[in-house]
N, C-alpha and C. Protein backbone atom coordinates (compact mmCIF):
# COMPACT_ATOMS: atom_id res chain seq x y z
N MET A 1 -34.08 153.08 62.06
CA MET A 1 -34.15 154.00 60.93
C MET A 1 -33.46 153.36 59.71
N ILE A 2 -34.05 153.39 58.61
CA ILE A 2 -33.52 152.87 57.37
C ILE A 2 -32.61 153.91 56.72
N PRO A 3 -31.37 153.51 56.42
CA PRO A 3 -30.44 154.52 55.85
C PRO A 3 -30.84 154.82 54.41
N ASN A 4 -30.65 156.04 53.99
CA ASN A 4 -30.85 156.43 52.63
C ASN A 4 -29.63 156.01 51.84
N LEU A 5 -29.85 155.23 50.80
CA LEU A 5 -28.75 154.80 49.99
C LEU A 5 -28.84 155.45 48.61
N PHE A 6 -27.70 155.84 48.11
CA PHE A 6 -27.59 156.47 46.82
C PHE A 6 -27.67 155.32 45.82
N ASP A 7 -28.52 155.42 44.80
CA ASP A 7 -28.66 154.39 43.77
C ASP A 7 -27.54 154.60 42.72
N ASP A 8 -26.53 153.77 42.86
CA ASP A 8 -25.38 153.93 41.93
C ASP A 8 -25.36 152.85 40.84
N SER A 9 -26.54 152.27 40.62
CA SER A 9 -26.65 151.17 39.64
C SER A 9 -26.39 151.60 38.21
N ARG A 10 -26.52 152.85 37.91
CA ARG A 10 -26.28 153.31 36.53
C ARG A 10 -24.89 154.00 36.36
N ILE A 11 -24.09 153.85 37.37
CA ILE A 11 -22.72 154.37 37.28
C ILE A 11 -21.84 153.25 36.80
N ALA A 12 -21.06 153.50 35.79
CA ALA A 12 -20.10 152.52 35.21
C ALA A 12 -18.80 152.63 36.02
N TRP A 13 -18.79 151.90 37.16
CA TRP A 13 -17.63 151.93 38.02
C TRP A 13 -16.42 151.35 37.35
N GLN A 14 -15.26 151.91 37.58
CA GLN A 14 -14.03 151.47 37.04
C GLN A 14 -13.07 151.08 38.17
N THR A 15 -12.02 150.34 37.92
CA THR A 15 -11.02 149.99 38.93
C THR A 15 -9.62 150.39 38.44
N LEU A 16 -8.74 150.57 39.40
CA LEU A 16 -7.34 150.84 39.06
C LEU A 16 -6.50 149.61 39.44
N ALA A 17 -5.72 149.10 38.53
CA ALA A 17 -4.92 147.95 38.75
C ALA A 17 -4.01 148.18 39.96
N GLY A 18 -3.97 147.23 40.85
CA GLY A 18 -3.09 147.31 42.00
C GLY A 18 -3.62 148.11 43.18
N ILE A 19 -4.81 148.71 43.04
CA ILE A 19 -5.36 149.44 44.20
C ILE A 19 -6.70 148.72 44.55
N GLU A 20 -6.64 148.03 45.67
CA GLU A 20 -7.82 147.30 46.14
C GLU A 20 -8.79 148.21 46.87
N HIS A 21 -10.05 147.78 46.89
CA HIS A 21 -11.08 148.41 47.69
C HIS A 21 -11.48 149.80 47.16
N LEU A 22 -11.22 150.09 45.93
CA LEU A 22 -11.49 151.37 45.27
C LEU A 22 -12.14 151.18 43.94
N HIS A 23 -13.23 151.91 43.73
CA HIS A 23 -13.85 152.04 42.40
C HIS A 23 -13.95 153.54 42.13
N TYR A 24 -14.00 153.87 40.86
CA TYR A 24 -14.10 155.30 40.52
C TYR A 24 -14.95 155.47 39.28
N SER A 25 -15.52 156.67 39.11
CA SER A 25 -16.17 157.09 37.88
C SER A 25 -15.87 158.60 37.70
N ILE A 26 -15.11 158.86 36.67
CA ILE A 26 -14.74 160.26 36.38
C ILE A 26 -15.95 160.93 35.71
N LEU A 27 -16.41 162.03 36.35
CA LEU A 27 -17.59 162.73 35.84
C LEU A 27 -17.24 163.79 34.81
N ASP A 28 -16.12 164.49 35.05
CA ASP A 28 -15.73 165.60 34.17
C ASP A 28 -14.28 165.99 34.43
N ILE A 29 -13.61 166.47 33.40
CA ILE A 29 -12.27 166.96 33.51
C ILE A 29 -12.26 168.30 32.76
N ASP A 30 -11.84 169.38 33.48
CA ASP A 30 -11.62 170.71 32.89
C ASP A 30 -10.15 170.96 32.87
N GLU A 31 -9.56 170.60 31.78
CA GLU A 31 -8.07 170.71 31.71
C GLU A 31 -7.61 172.17 31.72
N GLN A 32 -8.39 173.04 31.21
CA GLN A 32 -8.01 174.49 31.15
C GLN A 32 -7.89 175.02 32.58
N HIS A 33 -8.72 174.59 33.51
CA HIS A 33 -8.71 175.12 34.88
C HIS A 33 -8.15 174.08 35.89
N ASN A 34 -7.64 172.96 35.38
CA ASN A 34 -7.05 171.88 36.21
C ASN A 34 -8.03 171.41 37.30
N ILE A 35 -9.22 171.00 36.90
CA ILE A 35 -10.21 170.50 37.78
C ILE A 35 -10.74 169.11 37.27
N ILE A 36 -10.73 168.20 38.21
CA ILE A 36 -11.25 166.85 37.91
C ILE A 36 -12.36 166.57 38.91
N ASP A 37 -13.52 166.20 38.45
CA ASP A 37 -14.66 165.75 39.31
C ASP A 37 -14.82 164.26 39.11
N VAL A 38 -14.69 163.53 40.22
CA VAL A 38 -14.72 162.05 40.17
C VAL A 38 -15.48 161.54 41.39
N LEU A 39 -16.21 160.48 41.19
CA LEU A 39 -16.79 159.73 42.28
C LEU A 39 -15.84 158.60 42.66
N PHE A 40 -15.58 158.51 43.94
CA PHE A 40 -14.77 157.39 44.44
C PHE A 40 -15.67 156.58 45.35
N LYS A 41 -15.61 155.24 45.22
CA LYS A 41 -16.29 154.36 46.13
C LYS A 41 -15.29 153.51 46.86
N PHE A 42 -15.22 153.62 48.18
CA PHE A 42 -14.31 152.86 49.01
C PHE A 42 -15.09 151.73 49.69
N ALA A 43 -14.55 150.57 49.71
CA ALA A 43 -15.23 149.41 50.26
C ALA A 43 -15.46 149.53 51.76
N ALA A 44 -16.58 148.98 52.18
CA ALA A 44 -16.95 148.96 53.61
C ALA A 44 -15.87 148.24 54.42
N ARG A 45 -15.49 148.80 55.56
CA ARG A 45 -14.57 148.25 56.51
C ARG A 45 -13.18 147.83 55.91
N GLN A 46 -12.78 148.55 54.90
CA GLN A 46 -11.52 148.30 54.25
C GLN A 46 -10.73 149.66 54.12
N GLN A 47 -9.46 149.50 53.91
CA GLN A 47 -8.60 150.72 53.71
C GLN A 47 -7.91 150.58 52.34
N ILE A 48 -7.94 151.70 51.61
CA ILE A 48 -7.15 151.71 50.34
C ILE A 48 -5.73 151.94 50.62
N VAL A 49 -4.91 151.94 49.60
CA VAL A 49 -3.45 152.08 49.64
C VAL A 49 -3.04 153.44 50.32
N LEU A 50 -1.92 153.40 50.95
CA LEU A 50 -1.31 154.55 51.55
C LEU A 50 -0.98 155.58 50.44
N HIS A 51 -1.37 156.89 50.66
CA HIS A 51 -1.12 157.88 49.63
C HIS A 51 -1.10 159.29 50.20
N ARG A 52 -0.70 160.23 49.36
CA ARG A 52 -0.70 161.67 49.74
C ARG A 52 -1.49 162.41 48.65
N HIS A 53 -2.20 163.43 49.11
CA HIS A 53 -2.87 164.42 48.17
C HIS A 53 -1.92 165.53 47.90
N LYS A 54 -1.53 165.73 46.65
CA LYS A 54 -0.58 166.72 46.31
C LYS A 54 -1.22 168.08 45.88
N VAL A 55 -2.57 168.09 45.83
CA VAL A 55 -3.28 169.27 45.41
C VAL A 55 -4.54 169.39 46.29
N LEU A 56 -5.24 170.52 46.16
CA LEU A 56 -6.50 170.80 46.81
C LEU A 56 -7.56 169.72 46.44
N ASN A 57 -8.20 169.11 47.43
CA ASN A 57 -9.32 168.18 47.19
C ASN A 57 -10.54 168.69 47.96
N LYS A 58 -11.61 168.84 47.22
CA LYS A 58 -12.89 169.17 47.89
C LYS A 58 -13.73 167.96 47.79
N THR A 59 -14.37 167.55 48.92
CA THR A 59 -15.14 166.31 48.91
C THR A 59 -16.53 166.52 49.50
N PHE A 60 -17.47 165.70 49.01
CA PHE A 60 -18.83 165.66 49.50
C PHE A 60 -19.20 164.18 49.66
N VAL A 61 -19.57 163.76 50.84
CA VAL A 61 -19.97 162.36 51.08
C VAL A 61 -21.41 162.15 50.70
N ILE A 62 -21.59 161.29 49.72
CA ILE A 62 -22.93 161.00 49.14
C ILE A 62 -23.60 159.83 49.87
N GLN A 63 -22.85 158.82 50.24
CA GLN A 63 -23.37 157.65 50.90
C GLN A 63 -22.37 157.15 51.91
N GLY A 64 -22.81 156.72 53.05
CA GLY A 64 -21.99 156.08 54.08
C GLY A 64 -21.10 157.04 54.84
N GLU A 65 -20.07 156.45 55.51
CA GLU A 65 -19.07 157.21 56.23
C GLU A 65 -17.77 157.15 55.54
N HIS A 66 -17.15 158.29 55.31
CA HIS A 66 -15.81 158.40 54.70
C HIS A 66 -14.84 158.42 55.85
N ILE A 67 -14.05 157.36 56.00
CA ILE A 67 -13.16 157.20 57.11
C ILE A 67 -11.71 157.40 56.65
N LEU A 68 -11.00 158.24 57.37
CA LEU A 68 -9.57 158.51 57.07
C LEU A 68 -8.78 157.92 58.18
N TYR A 69 -7.63 157.31 57.80
CA TYR A 69 -6.72 156.67 58.80
C TYR A 69 -5.30 157.24 58.66
N HIS A 70 -4.64 157.41 59.75
CA HIS A 70 -3.22 157.79 59.73
C HIS A 70 -2.41 156.67 59.06
N ALA A 71 -1.19 156.94 58.71
CA ALA A 71 -0.33 155.98 58.05
C ALA A 71 -0.17 154.71 58.84
N ASP A 72 -0.29 154.79 60.17
CA ASP A 72 -0.13 153.59 61.02
C ASP A 72 -1.42 152.83 61.19
N GLY A 73 -2.46 153.24 60.53
CA GLY A 73 -3.78 152.53 60.57
C GLY A 73 -4.71 153.02 61.61
N GLN A 74 -4.26 153.98 62.49
CA GLN A 74 -5.16 154.50 63.50
C GLN A 74 -6.15 155.52 62.91
N LEU A 75 -7.29 155.53 63.48
CA LEU A 75 -8.38 156.39 63.00
C LEU A 75 -7.92 157.87 63.05
N LYS A 76 -8.17 158.56 61.93
CA LYS A 76 -7.85 159.99 61.85
C LYS A 76 -9.06 160.82 61.90
N GLU A 77 -10.08 160.47 61.12
CA GLU A 77 -11.29 161.28 60.98
C GLU A 77 -12.42 160.48 60.39
N VAL A 78 -13.66 160.75 60.80
CA VAL A 78 -14.86 160.17 60.24
C VAL A 78 -15.73 161.30 59.70
N ARG A 79 -16.03 161.19 58.39
CA ARG A 79 -16.87 162.16 57.72
C ARG A 79 -18.22 161.55 57.38
N ALA A 80 -19.22 162.06 58.00
CA ALA A 80 -20.62 161.50 57.82
C ALA A 80 -21.18 161.85 56.46
N VAL A 81 -22.22 161.11 56.07
CA VAL A 81 -22.95 161.45 54.82
C VAL A 81 -23.37 162.89 54.88
N GLY A 82 -23.25 163.61 53.78
CA GLY A 82 -23.59 165.01 53.72
C GLY A 82 -22.41 165.92 54.10
N SER A 83 -21.31 165.42 54.53
CA SER A 83 -20.17 166.20 54.92
C SER A 83 -19.47 166.74 53.72
N TYR A 84 -19.10 168.05 53.81
CA TYR A 84 -18.29 168.70 52.73
C TYR A 84 -17.01 169.16 53.37
N THR A 85 -15.91 168.89 52.69
CA THR A 85 -14.60 169.32 53.19
C THR A 85 -13.78 169.88 52.08
N SER A 86 -12.83 170.74 52.45
CA SER A 86 -11.89 171.30 51.52
C SER A 86 -10.53 171.09 52.15
N SER A 87 -9.68 170.24 51.54
CA SER A 87 -8.43 169.85 52.11
C SER A 87 -7.29 170.26 51.19
N GLU A 88 -6.38 171.11 51.70
CA GLU A 88 -5.22 171.53 50.95
C GLU A 88 -4.28 170.32 50.75
N ALA A 89 -3.32 170.47 49.83
CA ALA A 89 -2.29 169.50 49.64
C ALA A 89 -1.59 169.24 50.99
N SER A 90 -1.10 167.99 51.12
CA SER A 90 -0.47 167.64 52.44
C SER A 90 0.59 166.65 52.21
N GLN A 91 1.67 166.74 52.99
CA GLN A 91 2.74 165.77 52.96
C GLN A 91 2.40 164.58 53.86
N ASP A 92 1.34 164.66 54.68
CA ASP A 92 0.96 163.60 55.59
C ASP A 92 0.26 162.48 54.80
N PRO A 93 0.86 161.28 54.82
CA PRO A 93 0.23 160.13 54.13
C PRO A 93 -0.98 159.60 54.94
N HIS A 94 -1.92 159.05 54.26
CA HIS A 94 -3.08 158.47 54.94
C HIS A 94 -3.69 157.42 54.09
N ARG A 95 -4.67 156.71 54.64
CA ARG A 95 -5.47 155.76 53.93
C ARG A 95 -6.91 156.21 54.10
N GLU A 96 -7.83 155.71 53.23
CA GLU A 96 -9.20 156.04 53.31
C GLU A 96 -10.02 154.74 53.19
N GLY A 97 -11.26 154.79 53.61
CA GLY A 97 -12.12 153.65 53.48
C GLY A 97 -13.54 153.97 53.81
N GLY A 98 -14.37 152.95 53.78
CA GLY A 98 -15.80 153.06 54.13
C GLY A 98 -16.07 152.59 55.55
N GLY A 99 -17.24 152.96 56.04
CA GLY A 99 -17.66 152.47 57.35
C GLY A 99 -18.36 151.17 57.22
N ASP A 100 -19.60 151.06 57.74
CA ASP A 100 -20.37 149.81 57.69
C ASP A 100 -20.85 149.46 56.33
N ILE A 101 -20.94 150.47 55.41
CA ILE A 101 -21.31 150.22 54.03
C ILE A 101 -20.33 150.86 53.17
N ASP A 102 -20.30 150.51 51.87
CA ASP A 102 -19.42 151.22 50.91
C ASP A 102 -19.70 152.72 50.98
N VAL A 103 -18.68 153.51 50.98
CA VAL A 103 -18.85 154.95 51.00
C VAL A 103 -18.64 155.47 49.57
N ILE A 104 -19.51 156.43 49.15
CA ILE A 104 -19.42 157.08 47.85
C ILE A 104 -19.14 158.53 48.12
N VAL A 105 -18.03 159.03 47.55
CA VAL A 105 -17.62 160.41 47.85
C VAL A 105 -17.34 161.12 46.50
N LEU A 106 -17.91 162.33 46.33
CA LEU A 106 -17.59 163.18 45.20
C LEU A 106 -16.29 163.94 45.55
N PHE A 107 -15.28 163.75 44.74
CA PHE A 107 -14.03 164.46 44.89
C PHE A 107 -13.92 165.47 43.77
N SER A 108 -13.58 166.74 44.08
CA SER A 108 -13.20 167.72 43.09
C SER A 108 -11.77 168.02 43.35
N ILE A 109 -10.92 167.53 42.44
CA ILE A 109 -9.47 167.62 42.58
C ILE A 109 -9.02 168.83 41.77
N ARG A 110 -8.29 169.75 42.40
CA ARG A 110 -8.05 171.04 41.77
C ARG A 110 -6.60 171.55 41.90
N GLY A 111 -6.14 172.20 40.81
CA GLY A 111 -5.02 173.00 40.93
C GLY A 111 -3.71 172.67 40.28
N SER A 112 -3.62 171.55 39.53
CA SER A 112 -2.36 171.19 38.94
C SER A 112 -2.54 170.38 37.67
N SER A 113 -1.64 170.61 36.73
CA SER A 113 -1.60 169.75 35.54
C SER A 113 -0.59 168.66 35.73
N GLY A 114 0.06 168.61 36.92
CA GLY A 114 1.08 167.62 37.26
C GLY A 114 0.59 166.54 38.13
N VAL A 115 1.42 166.17 39.12
CA VAL A 115 1.11 165.06 40.06
C VAL A 115 -0.02 165.47 41.00
N LEU A 116 -1.02 164.65 41.15
CA LEU A 116 -2.15 164.89 42.06
C LEU A 116 -2.12 164.02 43.28
N TYR A 117 -1.68 162.75 43.12
CA TYR A 117 -1.59 161.83 44.21
C TYR A 117 -0.23 161.05 44.12
N GLU A 118 0.31 160.80 45.25
CA GLU A 118 1.47 159.91 45.35
C GLU A 118 1.00 158.64 46.06
N ILE A 119 1.30 157.46 45.52
CA ILE A 119 1.03 156.17 46.10
C ILE A 119 2.31 155.74 46.79
N LEU A 120 2.16 155.30 48.08
CA LEU A 120 3.34 155.04 48.89
C LEU A 120 3.39 153.58 49.36
N ASP A 121 4.60 153.10 49.60
CA ASP A 121 4.74 151.78 50.23
C ASP A 121 4.79 151.99 51.76
N ALA A 122 4.99 150.92 52.51
CA ALA A 122 4.96 150.96 53.97
C ALA A 122 6.09 151.82 54.54
N GLU A 123 7.15 152.04 53.79
CA GLU A 123 8.22 152.81 54.26
C GLU A 123 8.15 154.26 53.74
N PHE A 124 7.00 154.60 53.19
CA PHE A 124 6.68 155.95 52.67
C PHE A 124 7.46 156.34 51.37
N ASN A 125 7.94 155.31 50.65
CA ASN A 125 8.56 155.58 49.36
C ASN A 125 7.47 155.72 48.37
N VAL A 126 7.65 156.65 47.43
CA VAL A 126 6.67 156.81 46.36
C VAL A 126 6.88 155.63 45.34
N ILE A 127 5.80 154.89 45.15
CA ILE A 127 5.89 153.72 44.25
C ILE A 127 5.07 154.00 42.97
N ALA A 128 4.23 155.02 42.99
CA ALA A 128 3.45 155.43 41.81
C ALA A 128 2.87 156.80 42.03
N THR A 129 2.51 157.39 40.95
CA THR A 129 1.84 158.71 41.02
C THR A 129 0.59 158.66 40.11
N LEU A 130 -0.34 159.54 40.39
CA LEU A 130 -1.45 159.75 39.50
C LEU A 130 -1.46 161.26 39.21
N GLY A 131 -1.42 161.58 37.95
CA GLY A 131 -1.39 163.00 37.51
C GLY A 131 -2.57 163.33 36.64
N MET A 132 -2.63 164.59 36.24
CA MET A 132 -3.71 165.03 35.39
C MET A 132 -3.77 164.20 34.11
N GLN A 133 -2.66 163.91 33.44
CA GLN A 133 -2.72 163.15 32.22
C GLN A 133 -3.23 161.74 32.48
N ASP A 134 -2.84 161.13 33.62
CA ASP A 134 -3.37 159.81 33.99
C ASP A 134 -4.92 159.82 34.04
N PHE A 135 -5.48 160.88 34.69
CA PHE A 135 -6.92 160.95 34.78
C PHE A 135 -7.55 161.22 33.42
N VAL A 136 -6.91 162.02 32.59
CA VAL A 136 -7.42 162.28 31.23
C VAL A 136 -7.45 160.95 30.51
N ASP A 137 -6.40 160.18 30.55
CA ASP A 137 -6.35 158.87 29.88
C ASP A 137 -7.41 157.95 30.41
N LEU A 138 -7.64 157.88 31.73
CA LEU A 138 -8.65 157.06 32.32
C LEU A 138 -10.01 157.47 31.89
N TYR A 139 -10.24 158.78 31.79
CA TYR A 139 -11.50 159.32 31.38
C TYR A 139 -11.85 158.93 29.95
N HIS A 140 -10.90 159.01 29.04
CA HIS A 140 -11.10 158.59 27.67
C HIS A 140 -11.39 157.08 27.60
N LYS A 141 -10.67 156.29 28.35
CA LYS A 141 -10.90 154.88 28.40
C LYS A 141 -12.31 154.54 28.91
N GLN A 142 -12.70 155.26 30.00
CA GLN A 142 -14.00 155.07 30.61
C GLN A 142 -15.12 155.38 29.59
N ARG A 143 -14.95 156.51 28.87
CA ARG A 143 -16.00 156.92 27.92
C ARG A 143 -16.08 156.01 26.76
N ALA A 144 -15.02 155.26 26.44
CA ALA A 144 -14.96 154.35 25.28
C ALA A 144 -15.76 153.12 25.51
N HIS A 145 -16.05 152.81 26.81
CA HIS A 145 -16.81 151.59 27.18
C HIS A 145 -18.30 151.78 27.00
């Protein structure tokens, strides 16, 4: 069976300095309601940086398998193409990545004008954060290209 691939050739993928295996494209930001809609592309057979979700994240897998890993690298969950999830904020750190092909996931990040993600080191220390204003700034930069 030939897999159905999402044609992402017209998406202007962006990268975040210091975060490997991740591309993004911000689709929309509703600052009044604290909602960010963004496409994330995680590289096949790779794991992105250890992090925590500090707010509600709703996801829809558009292409590939969205794989979540515990902080120790062990498999946590596999979300198949077409999967929709709603995940509350959590103190549990994790990594994410793609399966056999790059995974493309629509994230709808909701509920705060403050910190949305905490980036962690191997000892679970917060080494960076991504907040609403960071996404707003990235969105303006993305649109300027």
